[in-house]
Amino acid sequence: MKRVYKNISAFILLIIMIFSTTGCQKINDLKLKMGLINNDFEYIKEGKADKIIIQSTRDLGFRFVVTDKSTIGDLYDILSSAKKVDQKSELQPDYIFEIHENGMVHKFNYITGLDKNDYGNLYSDDAIYIVSKRIDHDIIRNLWNYRAPREFKVTYYGSIIQFLRNYTEKLTANGNKVGIDLSQDVEGAKYLLSTEIEEFKENLSKTISTAELVDNNSEEFDVLVTIKTQGYKTTVYKAIITVNDKIDKSETKYYIYNKYENGEWEINVTDTKPNKF
């Protein structure tokens, strides 16, 4: 009798598994038809991708080579669930992905975060996709040698905004047009992300109406504000802000020395060099 019950239980389990598998397949087929997932990355699932290179567009030294099969599998899960769209984001790519398949290289541009207009944030010459933020948190951040300051955007962009607030009157004398130049910051470049830069632009215009981010147009500004990261740990951030006033032909330096304490950044911007800088 026990053997009969055991056989019946095994049969029922087999039926459930068959219907479950069939049901999942039908659901996946429906998602594929609706464009909610794609099958463009099946070569990764099939084990044909032996290497993935992730390269920062702002820092050529910031480069990862992924050969771990588990990590490649995680990337497949994320990419295969990406939605195909017709239009890509206009933001500058943060990373370039190269997926190596038996000597063939599939190249994609990637913008971290989601575009507020629902445009694609991963694209090649042939296709455009909206990829979830999991690729930022599960893949890229796990690959970092994570010595970046905590909440980098808070200490970085927050320091610039605090500086502008402190010295608004001096910077905007005579209606000066102020340009903020991030392009010279070699040390901080690897942590600059396009979606966060866009957010900074909005805060910038709210702080000083005549201030804009420099974009290969430094000659258009009366005052140039340049930031250069000098050093950092997870709980310390140091930088120098240089103000070049073209009207009175002067150059002035300011110092950022921030510490992360009690769960938040203490932002300090001064016109004199701190003792421990």
C-alpha atoms as a PDB file:
ATOM      1  CA  MET A   1       0.000   0.000   0.000  1.00  0.00           C
ATOM      2  CA  LYS A   2       2.793   2.386   0.867  1.00  0.00           C
ATOM      3  CA  ARG A   3       4.359   1.693  -2.537  1.00  0.00           C
ATOM      4  CA  VAL A   4       1.049   2.576  -4.249  1.00  0.00           C
ATOM      5  CA  TYR A   5       0.780   5.856  -2.348  1.00  0.00           C
ATOM      6  CA  LYS A   6       4.414   6.611  -3.145  1.00  0.00           C
ATOM      7  CA  ASN A   7       3.840   5.985  -6.857  1.00  0.00           C
ATOM      8  CA  ILE A   8       0.686   8.127  -6.858  1.00  0.00           C
ATOM      9  CA  SER A   9       2.538  10.964  -5.097  1.00  0.00           C
ATOM     10  CA  ALA A  10       5.389  10.780  -7.586  1.00  0.00           C
ATOM     11  CA  PHE A  11       2.900  10.812 -10.484  1.00  0.00           C
ATOM     12  CA  ILE A  12       1.042  13.843  -9.087  1.00  0.00           C
ATOM     13  CA  LEU A  13       4.350  15.662  -8.551  1.00  0.00           C
ATOM     14  CA  LEU A  14       5.372  14.902 -12.141  1.00  0.00           C
ATOM     15  CA  ILE A  15       2.043  16.257 -13.472  1.00  0.00           C
ATOM     16  CA  ILE A  16       2.433  19.425 -11.404  1.00  0.00           C
ATOM     17  CA  MET A  17       5.971  19.927 -12.704  1.00  0.00           C
ATOM     18  CA  ILE A  18       4.838  19.443 -16.324  1.00  0.00           C
ATOM     19  CA  PHE A  19       1.972  21.937 -15.996  1.00  0.00           C
ATOM     20  CA  SER A  20       4.176  24.393 -14.091  1.00  0.00           C
ATOM     21  CA  THR A  21       6.870  24.235 -16.766  1.00  0.00           C
ATOM     22  CA  THR A  22       4.292  24.579 -19.549  1.00  0.00           C
ATOM     23  CA  GLY A  23       2.644  27.469 -17.730  1.00  0.00           C
ATOM     24  CA  CYS A  24       5.938  29.293 -17.208  1.00  0.00           C
ATOM     25  CA  GLN A  25       6.825  28.786 -20.859  1.00  0.00           C
ATOM     26  CA  LYS A  26       3.493  30.220 -21.966  1.00  0.00           C
ATOM     27  CA  ILE A  27       3.962  33.198 -19.676  1.00  0.00           C
ATOM     28  CA  ASN A  28       7.479  33.777 -21.054  1.00  0.00           C
ATOM     29  CA  ASP A  29       6.176  33.475 -24.627  1.00  0.00           C
ATOM     30  CA  LEU A  30       3.514  36.075 -23.837  1.00  0.00           C
ATOM     31  CA  LYS A  31       6.082  38.409 -22.245  1.00  0.00           C
ATOM     32  CA  LEU A  32       8.279  37.984 -25.316  1.00  0.00           C
ATOM     33  CA  LYS A  33       5.409  38.907 -27.644  1.00  0.00           C
ATOM     34  CA  MET A  34       4.614  41.954 -25.523  1.00  0.00           C
ATOM     35  CA  GLY A  35       8.272  43.021 -25.588  1.00  0.00           C
ATOM     36  CA  LEU A  36       8.615  42.811 -21.807  1.00  0.00           C
ATOM     37  CA  ILE A  37      11.567  40.412 -22.171  1.00  0.00           C
ATOM     38  CA  ASN A  38      13.848  39.466 -25.054  1.00  0.00           C
ATOM     39  CA  ASN A  39      15.794  36.488 -26.367  1.00  0.00           C
ATOM     40  CA  ASP A  40      18.722  38.458 -27.791  1.00  0.00           C
ATOM     41  CA  PHE A  41      21.158  37.223 -25.143  1.00  0.00           C
ATOM     42  CA  GLU A  42      20.564  33.472 -25.340  1.00  0.00           C
ATOM     43  CA  TYR A  43      24.178  32.976 -26.392  1.00  0.00           C
ATOM     44  CA  ILE A  44      25.144  33.941 -22.842  1.00  0.00           C
ATOM     45  CA  LYS A  45      22.750  31.361 -21.381  1.00  0.00           C
ATOM     46  CA  GLU A  46      24.192  28.755 -23.749  1.00  0.00           C
ATOM     47  CA  GLY A  47      27.663  29.329 -22.283  1.00  0.00           C
ATOM     48  CA  LYS A  48      29.119  30.935 -25.388  1.00  0.00           C
ATOM     49  CA  ALA A  49      30.113  34.176 -23.621  1.00  0.00           C
ATOM     50  CA  ASP A  50      33.468  33.574 -21.965  1.00  0.00           C
ATOM     51  CA  LYS A  51      34.332  37.144 -21.031  1.00  0.00           C
ATOM     52  CA  ILE A  52      32.592  40.469 -20.383  1.00  0.00           C
ATOM     53  CA  ILE A  53      34.522  43.740 -20.203  1.00  0.00           C
ATOM     54  CA  ILE A  54      32.984  46.762 -18.462  1.00  0.00           C
ATOM     55  CA  GLN A  55      34.782  50.054 -19.164  1.00  0.00           C
ATOM     56  CA  SER A  56      34.070  53.479 -17.662  1.00  0.00           C
ATOM     57  CA  THR A  57      33.685  56.192 -20.300  1.00  0.00           C
ATOM     58  CA  ARG A  58      35.115  58.867 -17.992  1.00  0.00           C
ATOM     59  CA  ASP A  59      38.119  56.999 -16.586  1.00  0.00           C
ATOM     60  CA  LEU A  60      39.980  54.611 -18.897  1.00  0.00           C
ATOM     61  CA  GLY A  61      41.690  53.068 -15.877  1.00  0.00           C
ATOM     62  CA  PHE A  62      38.338  52.053 -14.399  1.00  0.00           C
ATOM     63  CA  ARG A  63      37.835  48.726 -16.153  1.00  0.00           C
ATOM     64  CA  PHE A  64      36.543  45.299 -15.122  1.00  0.00           C
ATOM     65  CA  VAL A  65      37.073  41.960 -16.870  1.00  0.00           C
ATOM     66  CA  VAL A  66      34.417  39.436 -15.838  1.00  0.00           C
ATOM     67  CA  THR A  67      35.057  35.722 -16.411  1.00  0.00           C
ATOM     68  CA  ASP A  68      33.212  34.286 -13.402  1.00  0.00           C
ATOM     69  CA  LYS A  69      30.393  32.082 -14.730  1.00  0.00           C
ATOM     70  CA  SER A  70      28.060  32.940 -11.872  1.00  0.00           C
ATOM     71  CA  THR A  71      28.428  36.692 -12.480  1.00  0.00           C
ATOM     72  CA  ILE A  72      27.968  36.195 -16.234  1.00  0.00           C
ATOM     73  CA  GLY A  73      24.827  34.186 -15.447  1.00  0.00           C
ATOM     74  CA  ASP A  74      23.508  36.999 -13.250  1.00  0.00           C
ATOM     75  CA  LEU A  75      24.111  39.445 -16.075  1.00  0.00           C
ATOM     76  CA  TYR A  76      22.164  37.199 -18.457  1.00  0.00           C
ATOM     77  CA  ASP A  77      19.180  37.202 -16.070  1.00  0.00           C
ATOM     78  CA  ILE A  78      19.184  40.997 -16.054  1.00  0.00           C
ATOM     79  CA  LEU A  79      19.729  41.477 -19.792  1.00  0.00           C
ATOM     80  CA  SER A  80      17.177  38.874 -20.879  1.00  0.00           C
ATOM     81  CA  SER A  81      14.502  40.623 -18.800  1.00  0.00           C
ATOM     82  CA  ALA A  82      15.262  44.000 -20.422  1.00  0.00           C
ATOM     83  CA  LYS A  83      12.495  45.653 -22.421  1.00  0.00           C
ATOM     84  CA  LYS A  84      13.246  46.606 -26.030  1.00  0.00           C
ATOM     85  CA  VAL A  85      12.331  50.178 -27.001  1.00  0.00           C
ATOM     86  CA  ASP A  86      12.686  52.416 -30.044  1.00  0.00           C
ATOM     87  CA  GLN A  87      14.485  55.419 -28.561  1.00  0.00           C
ATOM     88  CA  LYS A  88      17.671  55.692 -26.516  1.00  0.00           C
ATOM     89  CA  SER A  89      18.461  58.175 -23.768  1.00  0.00           C
ATOM     90  CA  GLU A  90      20.254  61.348 -24.804  1.00  0.00           C
ATOM     91  CA  LEU A  91      22.487  61.184 -21.721  1.00  0.00           C
ATOM     92  CA  GLN A  92      26.177  60.396 -22.074  1.00  0.00           C
ATOM     93  CA  PRO A  93      26.932  56.672 -21.526  1.00  0.00           C
ATOM     94  CA  ASP A  94      28.629  55.845 -18.224  1.00  0.00           C
ATOM     95  CA  TYR A  95      30.017  52.461 -19.265  1.00  0.00           C
ATOM     96  CA  ILE A  96      30.775  50.396 -22.344  1.00  0.00           C
ATOM     97  CA  PHE A  97      29.944  46.678 -22.160  1.00  0.00           C
ATOM     98  CA  GLU A  98      31.803  44.234 -24.393  1.00  0.00           C
ATOM     99  CA  ILE A  99      30.402  40.706 -24.365  1.00  0.00           C
ATOM    100  CA  HIS A 100      32.874  38.264 -25.946  1.00  0.00           C
ATOM    101  CA  GLU A 101      31.291  35.299 -27.712  1.00  0.00           C
ATOM    102  CA  ASN A 102      33.776  32.890 -29.302  1.00  0.00           C
ATOM    103  CA  GLY A 103      35.888  35.672 -30.801  1.00  0.00           C
ATOM    104  CA  MET A 104      32.908  37.892 -31.630  1.00  0.00           C
ATOM    105  CA  VAL A 105      32.402  41.071 -29.570  1.00  0.00           C
ATOM    106  CA  HIS A 106      28.936  42.454 -28.812  1.00  0.00           C
ATOM    107  CA  LYS A 107      29.339  46.105 -27.801  1.00  0.00           C
ATOM    108  CA  PHE A 108      26.791  48.122 -25.799  1.00  0.00           C
ATOM    109  CA  ASN A 109      26.663  51.603 -24.289  1.00  0.00           C
ATOM    110  CA  TYR A 110      25.153  51.743 -20.811  1.00  0.00           C
ATOM    111  CA  ILE A 111      23.737  54.620 -18.756  1.00  0.00           C
ATOM    112  CA  THR A 112      23.274  53.873 -15.053  1.00  0.00           C
ATOM    113  CA  GLY A 113      19.821  54.375 -13.609  1.00  0.00           C
ATOM    114  CA  LEU A 114      16.566  54.748 -15.490  1.00  0.00           C
ATOM    115  CA  ASP A 115      15.839  57.576 -17.917  1.00  0.00           C
ATOM    116  CA  LYS A 116      12.971  59.764 -16.667  1.00  0.00           C
ATOM    117  CA  ASN A 117      11.449  59.665 -20.161  1.00  0.00           C
ATOM    118  CA  ASP A 118      11.530  55.845 -20.293  1.00  0.00           C
ATOM    119  CA  TYR A 119      14.141  55.888 -23.056  1.00  0.00           C
ATOM    120  CA  GLY A 120      16.627  53.050 -23.376  1.00  0.00           C
ATOM    121  CA  ASN A 121      19.686  53.019 -21.137  1.00  0.00           C
ATOM    122  CA  LEU A 122      21.490  50.108 -22.853  1.00  0.00           C
ATOM    123  CA  TYR A 123      22.023  50.188 -26.588  1.00  0.00           C
ATOM    124  CA  SER A 124      24.103  48.919 -29.476  1.00  0.00           C
ATOM    125  CA  ASP A 125      24.032  49.787 -33.168  1.00  0.00           C
ATOM    126  CA  ASP A 126      21.221  47.258 -33.609  1.00  0.00           C
ATOM    127  CA  ALA A 127      18.968  47.422 -30.544  1.00  0.00           C
ATOM    128  CA  ILE A 128      17.910  49.568 -27.568  1.00  0.00           C
ATOM    129  CA  TYR A 129      16.810  48.269 -24.153  1.00  0.00           C
ATOM    130  CA  ILE A 130      15.592  49.514 -20.790  1.00  0.00           C
ATOM    131  CA  VAL A 131      17.641  47.662 -18.183  1.00  0.00           C
ATOM    132  CA  SER A 132      16.723  47.611 -14.506  1.00  0.00           C
ATOM    133  CA  LYS A 133      18.894  49.152 -11.789  1.00  0.00           C
ATOM    134  CA  ARG A 134      19.923  45.634 -10.767  1.00  0.00           C
ATOM    135  CA  ILE A 135      22.817  45.912 -13.190  1.00  0.00           C
ATOM    136  CA  ASP A 136      24.139  48.848 -11.126  1.00  0.00           C
ATOM    137  CA  HIS A 137      23.734  47.230  -7.728  1.00  0.00           C
ATOM    138  CA  ASP A 138      24.224  43.519  -8.459  1.00  0.00           C
ATOM    139  CA  ILE A 139      26.999  43.721 -11.046  1.00  0.00           C
ATOM    140  CA  ILE A 140      28.917  46.997 -11.241  1.00  0.00           C
ATOM    141  CA  ARG A 141      29.006  47.958  -7.557  1.00  0.00           C
ATOM    142  CA  ASN A 142      30.043  44.442  -6.581  1.00  0.00           C
ATOM    143  CA  LEU A 143      33.023  44.704  -8.931  1.00  0.00           C
ATOM    144  CA  TRP A 144      34.284  47.979  -7.507  1.00  0.00           C
ATOM    145  CA  ASN A 145      37.303  48.040  -5.253  1.00  0.00           C
ATOM    146  CA  TYR A 146      34.955  49.946  -3.027  1.00  0.00           C
ATOM    147  CA  ARG A 147      37.030  52.706  -1.516  1.00  0.00           C
ATOM    148  CA  ALA A 148      34.784  55.455  -2.854  1.00  0.00           C
ATOM    149  CA  PRO A 149      33.317  57.829  -0.288  1.00  0.00           C
ATOM    150  CA  ARG A 150      29.961  56.757   1.070  1.00  0.00           C
ATOM    151  CA  GLU A 151      27.063  58.427  -0.694  1.00  0.00           C
ATOM    152  CA  PHE A 152      29.496  59.977  -3.150  1.00  0.00           C
ATOM    153  CA  LYS A 153      26.944  62.213  -4.838  1.00  0.00           C
ATOM    154  CA  VAL A 154      26.039  63.759  -1.464  1.00  0.00           C
ATOM    155  CA  THR A 155      29.588  64.761  -0.569  1.00  0.00           C
ATOM    156  CA  TYR A 156      30.615  65.658  -4.143  1.00  0.00           C
ATOM    157  CA  TYR A 157      27.720  67.627  -5.572  1.00  0.00           C
ATOM    158  CA  GLY A 158      26.661  68.777  -2.105  1.00  0.00           C
ATOM    159  CA  SER A 159      30.063  70.429  -1.617  1.00  0.00           C
ATOM    160  CA  ILE A 160      29.795  72.330  -4.902  1.00  0.00           C
ATOM    161  CA  ILE A 161      26.284  73.548  -4.092  1.00  0.00           C
ATOM    162  CA  GLN A 162      27.397  74.610  -0.601  1.00  0.00           C
ATOM    163  CA  PHE A 163      30.340  76.495  -2.111  1.00  0.00           C
ATOM    164  CA  LEU A 164      28.055  78.321  -4.546  1.00  0.00           C
ATOM    165  CA  ARG A 165      25.688  79.291  -1.737  1.00  0.00           C
ATOM    166  CA  ASN A 166      28.546  80.583   0.403  1.00  0.00           C
ATOM    167  CA  TYR A 167      30.095  82.704  -2.340  1.00  0.00           C
ATOM    168  CA  THR A 168      27.141  83.600  -4.576  1.00  0.00           C
ATOM    169  CA  GLU A 169      27.620  87.355  -4.235  1.00  0.00           C
ATOM    170  CA  LYS A 170      31.302  87.213  -5.138  1.00  0.00           C
ATOM    171  CA  LEU A 171      30.798  84.840  -8.065  1.00  0.00           C
ATOM    172  CA  THR A 172      27.900  86.724  -9.649  1.00  0.00           C
ATOM    173  CA  ALA A 173      29.163  90.295  -9.268  1.00  0.00           C
ATOM    174  CA  ASN A 174      28.203  92.387 -12.314  1.00  0.00           C
ATOM    175  CA  GLY A 175      25.923  89.618 -13.547  1.00  0.00           C
ATOM    176  CA  ASN A 176      28.776  87.224 -14.306  1.00  0.00           C
ATOM    177  CA  LYS A 177      27.925  84.025 -16.119  1.00  0.00           C
ATOM    178  CA  VAL A 178      29.352  81.151 -14.054  1.00  0.00           C
ATOM    179  CA  GLY A 179      30.560  77.853 -15.527  1.00  0.00           C
ATOM    180  CA  ILE A 180      31.059  74.741 -13.372  1.00  0.00           C
ATOM    181  CA  ASP A 181      33.710  72.483 -14.906  1.00  0.00           C
ATOM    182  CA  LEU A 182      33.780  68.834 -13.741  1.00  0.00           C
ATOM    183  CA  SER A 183      35.788  67.588 -16.709  1.00  0.00           C
ATOM    184  CA  GLN A 184      39.167  68.324 -15.075  1.00  0.00           C
ATOM    185  CA  ASP A 185      38.476  66.078 -12.078  1.00  0.00           C
ATOM    186  CA  VAL A 186      40.535  62.994 -12.936  1.00  0.00           C
ATOM    187  CA  GLU A 187      40.212  61.347  -9.502  1.00  0.00           C
ATOM    188  CA  GLY A 188      36.470  61.844  -9.226  1.00  0.00           C
ATOM    189  CA  ALA A 189      35.635  61.004 -12.847  1.00  0.00           C
ATOM    190  CA  LYS A 190      35.079  57.274 -12.258  1.00  0.00           C
ATOM    191  CA  TYR A 191      32.232  58.028  -9.854  1.00  0.00           C
ATOM    192  CA  LEU A 192      30.394  60.594 -11.990  1.00  0.00           C
ATOM    193  CA  LEU A 193      27.154  59.207 -13.425  1.00  0.00           C
ATOM    194  CA  SER A 194      24.994  60.859 -16.076  1.00  0.00           C
ATOM    195  CA  THR A 195      21.677  60.635 -14.212  1.00  0.00           C
ATOM    196  CA  GLU A 196      23.265  62.214 -11.120  1.00  0.00           C
ATOM    197  CA  ILE A 197      24.872  64.938 -13.249  1.00  0.00           C
ATOM    198  CA  GLU A 198      21.404  65.778 -14.628  1.00  0.00           C
ATOM    199  CA  GLU A 199      20.074  66.034 -11.086  1.00  0.00           C
ATOM    200  CA  PHE A 200      23.005  68.305 -10.204  1.00  0.00           C
ATOM    201  CA  LYS A 201      22.207  70.570 -13.169  1.00  0.00           C
ATOM    202  CA  GLU A 202      18.706  71.116 -11.814  1.00  0.00           C
ATOM    203  CA  ASN A 203      20.034  71.992  -8.342  1.00  0.00           C
ATOM    204  CA  LEU A 204      22.661  74.222  -9.941  1.00  0.00           C
ATOM    205  CA  SER A 205      20.140  76.439 -11.709  1.00  0.00           C
ATOM    206  CA  LYS A 206      18.106  76.716  -8.493  1.00  0.00           C
ATOM    207  CA  THR A 207      21.195  77.887  -6.572  1.00  0.00           C
ATOM    208  CA  ILE A 208      22.583  80.422  -9.067  1.00  0.00           C
ATOM    209  CA  SER A 209      20.392  81.236 -12.054  1.00  0.00           C
ATOM    210  CA  THR A 210      23.380  82.304 -14.172  1.00  0.00           C
ATOM    211  CA  ALA A 211      25.383  79.117 -13.446  1.00  0.00           C
ATOM    212  CA  GLU A 212      25.668  76.218 -15.901  1.00  0.00           C
ATOM    213  CA  LEU A 213      27.724  73.094 -16.313  1.00  0.00           C
ATOM    214  CA  VAL A 214      30.621  73.525 -18.736  1.00  0.00           C
ATOM    215  CA  ASP A 215      30.269  71.314 -21.809  1.00  0.00           C
ATOM    216  CA  ASN A 216      33.227  72.064 -24.095  1.00  0.00           C
ATOM    217  CA  ASN A 217      32.217  75.740 -24.016  1.00  0.00           C
ATOM    218  CA  SER A 218      34.395  77.304 -21.299  1.00  0.00           C
ATOM    219  CA  GLU A 219      34.955  80.396 -23.454  1.00  0.00           C
ATOM    220  CA  GLU A 220      31.310  81.379 -22.941  1.00  0.00           C
ATOM    221  CA  PHE A 221      31.675  82.009 -19.199  1.00  0.00           C
ATOM    222  CA  ASP A 222      32.964  85.009 -17.245  1.00  0.00           C
ATOM    223  CA  VAL A 223      33.848  82.890 -14.211  1.00  0.00           C
ATOM    224  CA  LEU A 224      35.052  79.279 -14.325  1.00  0.00           C
ATOM    225  CA  VAL A 225      34.693  77.069 -11.251  1.00  0.00           C
ATOM    226  CA  THR A 226      36.809  73.902 -11.453  1.00  0.00           C
ATOM    227  CA  ILE A 227      36.732  71.070  -8.933  1.00  0.00           C
ATOM    228  CA  LYS A 228      39.557  68.559  -8.482  1.00  0.00           C
ATOM    229  CA  THR A 229      39.348  65.685  -6.018  1.00  0.00           C
ATOM    230  CA  GLN A 230      42.542  65.500  -3.940  1.00  0.00           C
ATOM    231  CA  GLY A 231      41.937  62.364  -1.919  1.00  0.00           C
ATOM    232  CA  TYR A 232      39.247  60.240  -0.328  1.00  0.00           C
ATOM    233  CA  LYS A 233      38.426  57.295   1.860  1.00  0.00           C
ATOM    234  CA  THR A 234      34.995  55.882   2.590  1.00  0.00           C
ATOM    235  CA  THR A 235      34.523  58.494   5.341  1.00  0.00           C
ATOM    236  CA  VAL A 236      36.755  61.380   4.197  1.00  0.00           C
ATOM    237  CA  TYR A 237      36.599  63.511   1.057  1.00  0.00           C
ATOM    238  CA  LYS A 238      39.036  66.289   0.045  1.00  0.00           C
ATOM    239  CA  ALA A 239      38.993  68.546  -3.009  1.00  0.00           C
ATOM    240  CA  ILE A 240      40.156  71.933  -4.278  1.00  0.00           C
ATOM    241  CA  ILE A 241      37.849  74.350  -6.049  1.00  0.00           C
ATOM    242  CA  THR A 242      39.605  76.860  -8.293  1.00  0.00           C
ATOM    243  CA  VAL A 243      37.772  80.009  -9.372  1.00  0.00           C
ATOM    244  CA  ASN A 244      39.128  81.706 -12.463  1.00  0.00           C
ATOM    245  CA  ASP A 245      37.591  85.165 -12.932  1.00  0.00           C
ATOM    246  CA  LYS A 246      38.175  86.313 -16.507  1.00  0.00           C
ATOM    247  CA  ILE A 247      36.848  89.808 -15.837  1.00  0.00           C
ATOM    248  CA  ASP A 248      39.327  90.839 -13.148  1.00  0.00           C
ATOM    249  CA  LYS A 249      41.906  88.231 -14.258  1.00  0.00           C
ATOM    250  CA  SER A 250      42.156  86.600 -10.826  1.00  0.00           C
ATOM    251  CA  GLU A 251      42.405  83.038  -9.560  1.00  0.00           C
ATOM    252  CA  THR A 252      41.251  81.946  -6.094  1.00  0.00           C
ATOM    253  CA  LYS A 253      41.375  78.528  -4.443  1.00  0.00           C
ATOM    254  CA  TYR A 254      38.893  77.065  -1.959  1.00  0.00           C
ATOM    255  CA  TYR A 255      39.146  73.845   0.020  1.00  0.00           C
ATOM    256  CA  ILE A 256      36.696  71.040   0.685  1.00  0.00           C
ATOM    257  CA  TYR A 257      37.358  68.797   3.663  1.00  0.00           C
ATOM    258  CA  ASN A 258      34.375  66.578   4.480  1.00  0.00           C
ATOM    259  CA  LYS A 259      33.956  63.852   7.083  1.00  0.00           C
ATOM    260  CA  TYR A 260      31.265  61.200   7.338  1.00  0.00           C
ATOM    261  CA  GLU A 261      30.185  61.019  10.959  1.00  0.00           C
ATOM    262  CA  ASN A 262      27.029  59.897  12.774  1.00  0.00           C
ATOM    263  CA  GLY A 263      25.470  58.643   9.553  1.00  0.00           C
ATOM    264  CA  GLU A 264      25.869  61.804   7.489  1.00  0.00           C
ATOM    265  CA  TRP A 265      28.390  63.987   5.702  1.00  0.00           C
ATOM    266  CA  GLU A 266      29.652  67.111   7.417  1.00  0.00           C
ATOM    267  CA  ILE A 267      30.466  69.437   4.501  1.00  0.00           C
ATOM    268  CA  ASN A 268      33.178  72.057   5.038  1.00  0.00           C
ATOM    269  CA  VAL A 269      34.165  74.573   2.366  1.00  0.00           C
ATOM    270  CA  THR A 270      36.731  77.247   3.287  1.00  0.00           C
ATOM    271  CA  ASP A 271      38.951  79.831   1.612  1.00  0.00           C
ATOM    272  CA  THR A 272      41.899  78.758   3.766  1.00  0.00           C
ATOM    273  CA  LYS A 273      43.629  75.401   3.669  1.00  0.00           C
ATOM    274  CA  PRO A 274      42.648  73.157   6.626  1.00  0.00           C
ATOM    275  CA  ASN A 275      45.469  71.913   8.854  1.00  0.00           C
ATOM    276  CA  LYS A 276      44.857  68.236   8.093  1.00  0.00           C
ATOM    277  CA  PHE A 277      44.257  68.720   4.365  1.00  0.00           C
END
